[in-house]
Structure formats: C-alpha cells, structure tokens
Amino acid sequence: ASIKYGGRGRQRFIWVARGADGSLRGLGSGGRRRTMGCFFSKRRKQAKESQLSAESGDRNAAGDPGAEKQPQYSWDQRAKIDPKDYMFSGLKNETVGRLPGTVAGQQFVIQDCENCNIYIFDHSATITIDDCTGCRIFLGPIKGSVFFRDCKDCKCIVACQQFRSRDCRKMEVFLCCATQPIIESSTGVKFGCFQYYYPELALQLKDAGLSIFNNTWSNIHDFTPISGENNWGLLPEDALIQDAVPLPTAEELKAVRISTDASKSIIPVTRGRRPKCSEESCLVVFFAGDYTTANARKLIDEMTGKGFCLVQTKEVPMKADDARRVFQEKASEFIPLLEKGSVIALEFNGDGSIAACQDIIANVFSSTKVFVSEDKASASREVDSFYNFADMQMGM
C-alpha cells in the first residue's frame, strides 16, 4: 500500500506494508515508484548464486563426472622406470637373470660382477657390461649396441645390432651381430656363431629389429691392431656353447625351455670366415613372399642334413641393377619379384652342393621361384658378386 502526500504539484509516496499485528511499517519513499520486486529479486539472485557455487564445490569434491577435469596427457600415465630394476651391480658368485617379458626393450646395465652366471631372456634397447670378471653371460636380442668395457675372463652369448669391446682380455663370445663387430684395445677375444633356442626368442628378435639371416659374427674389425700379433680369433668349430655358458640352475630361470642344439637354433649356425671345406659353393636366393623364411629354413635343414656346410646368409633389399650384376642373363626372370621385399641368400659349400641344391629346389620348392647356381664356375662369381653387393648395402 502507499500513502500519498505532497504539495505544489509534486507528489511523493511512502511505501508501507501491514504487519501480522495489523500495524503499518514504512519501507521507503521517493519521487518515483520503487518496485518491491526489484529489491527482493536482487536478494534472491545473490542467494541463488551462492547456492550454485556451493553445489559446484560439492561436485568437484565428490568427483562428479559433470565437474571440469584437469587435462590428462599420455606421458603422465606412463609407468615410472626405476633404473635399478634394469641393473645387476656388485654381485659375486651369484646366478641372476630376467625372464621373457621383464625387460621389454629397456636399457640394461651389468657392472662390477665377479664369477656370476647372468641371463637376460628378453629383448632390450642397449646393454653395457663394465668391470666384470669371470662371468658367464647370456644376452637376448639387443636392438642397438652391446658394449663390453674393462672385462676379463668372461664367456658370453649375444645377439645384437652392434658389438663393441674396449680394454677387455680373454673373452669368448658366441655372437649374432647385424653389423661388423668391433674390438678396441682388447686381446685374447675369441668368437663363435650364436646358437640358441627358447620359444620366445624368435619374437624377441623381431621386436629388436634383427634378421636371423644377417649375422657377421666372424667379420671382426680391430681398431687397435698390433703388428705381428692377433688380438682376436675364431673358436674351434666343435666348441660347445653350453661349456661356455651353462644352462641356468636357478628354479625361476629353469622355467625357460632352452636348447643349445645347433639344429634347433633360431639363428642359423654358419661357418663364417673359417676355411671352406671344398672349392664348390652354391648360391641360393629366395624372394619375398608369405613363406620365404620358412622355405629358407627348410632348405638349410635339408642341406645340412646331407652333410653340406652353410657358409653365410643374408637378408637385404635388392634393386634391378643389383639383380643384373648378380643374376646376369637370368635377371629378367627375377626383377619383377624384387618389389615385394628383401631377398634371402644362402651360400652352401661342399662337393656336390650345386647338384644337391638343384635337386631339393626342384622337388621341395617346385611351386616357388628360386634362384640357384647352375655350375661351379658361375657359382663362384655369383657368390662373390652377391655378398660384395650385400656388404656394401649394409655399410661394411
């Protein structure tokens, strides 16, 4: 309600409200109407804002899905790597190891160990071995380099992209290495061909980017040669790998199903740069396809089963010009196959190896396009031509 008063043409209003007891209470006055709704709506708006703010805080505290979340990044969610989990250090007279799946491509360090048996049954990025004495070491596939420094009287089985040793003495290494192995300021280092099997090894080699056919274990480069002396040599062909690195005896590591039988080795056992047992060699080249690796392994089994030697293997991409140099007048048959991927080449040695290869290819691989040497004279040239090209291709 309002009470009007005033004079001289001007009116003023006093706004009043009736209380519960019937009395009138003044609310204000002014020269123009004041709307009660405006006054109370402002108070209601302030109260509503306070309520919404409180509710928002409650939702955030309770983890309400509707609440605004802080951004999450992939690197925030990665498991934290503790280098101590990927290291053997300061051990003496112990047997230790890592099972398949427990290294999973990480870097690994072995240092200051004495008279230990060490087994890494998994693939890794790189491995360094420093200041170890009298240790027996197995290292599964290494994507990058393995580096031995200041080690002595150690025996090792290693598969890697690059092998290096520096300031080492009296070592035996059964090696698979994709590039030329390097020794520096080292003496008494003996090399043999890698031969090992356990079920997970083939996939680990693939994860490490290593081909089972690229193994230059005997092509050693010595950075620090001494005139009149030889800092390295090759192990006897009949050297037993289990005599160098015995099978693990620890219960946990015995769960890995290992074989050191050369015929079961995932990586083919090759003669390398040892003297050939015959003047007759044969070159066989498989071209990329669904069963290329299996076919190559089948031929190796067939030929070695007949007593022939596998000298060397290689898996490399090949271009048309390369094919013309190696295959010469037969190149046109094989050039269209080069686009499918890398070729796998095998050199067999032994009297009658050419005829034996031709016979197996004709009877076992009749539906597969394969290059095989035709005679002794051309085979010698083909072997030299292919492996010279392959070594250049791989930078050796």
Foldseek 3Di string as FASTA:
>chain_A
DWDWDDDPPAIKIWDWDADPVRDIDTDDIDRDDDDPCVVVVVVVVVVVVVVVVVVLVVCVVVVPPVHDDDDDDPVVPDDDDDLVQQEAEQEECEEDEDAEPSAAAAEHEYENYELYAYEYHAEYAEYEYEQYELYEYEDAEYLAEYEYECYENYEYEYEYQEYEYENYEQYEYQYFYLAAYEYENAANYEYFHHFKDFPCRVVRCVVSVHDLQRGQGPRHDYPDDDPPDDRYYYDPPPDQSCVRRPQDDDPVSVVTDMDRPQLRGPRHGAPHPDDAPALFKKKKKAFDDDCQVVVVNVLVCQLVVVPKGWHHKDKDQDALVLLCQQVPPCSVVCRVRRVNGIMMMIMIDDVPSQVSSVVCCVPPVVVGDMDMDDDRVSRVSNVVSVVVVRCVRVPD
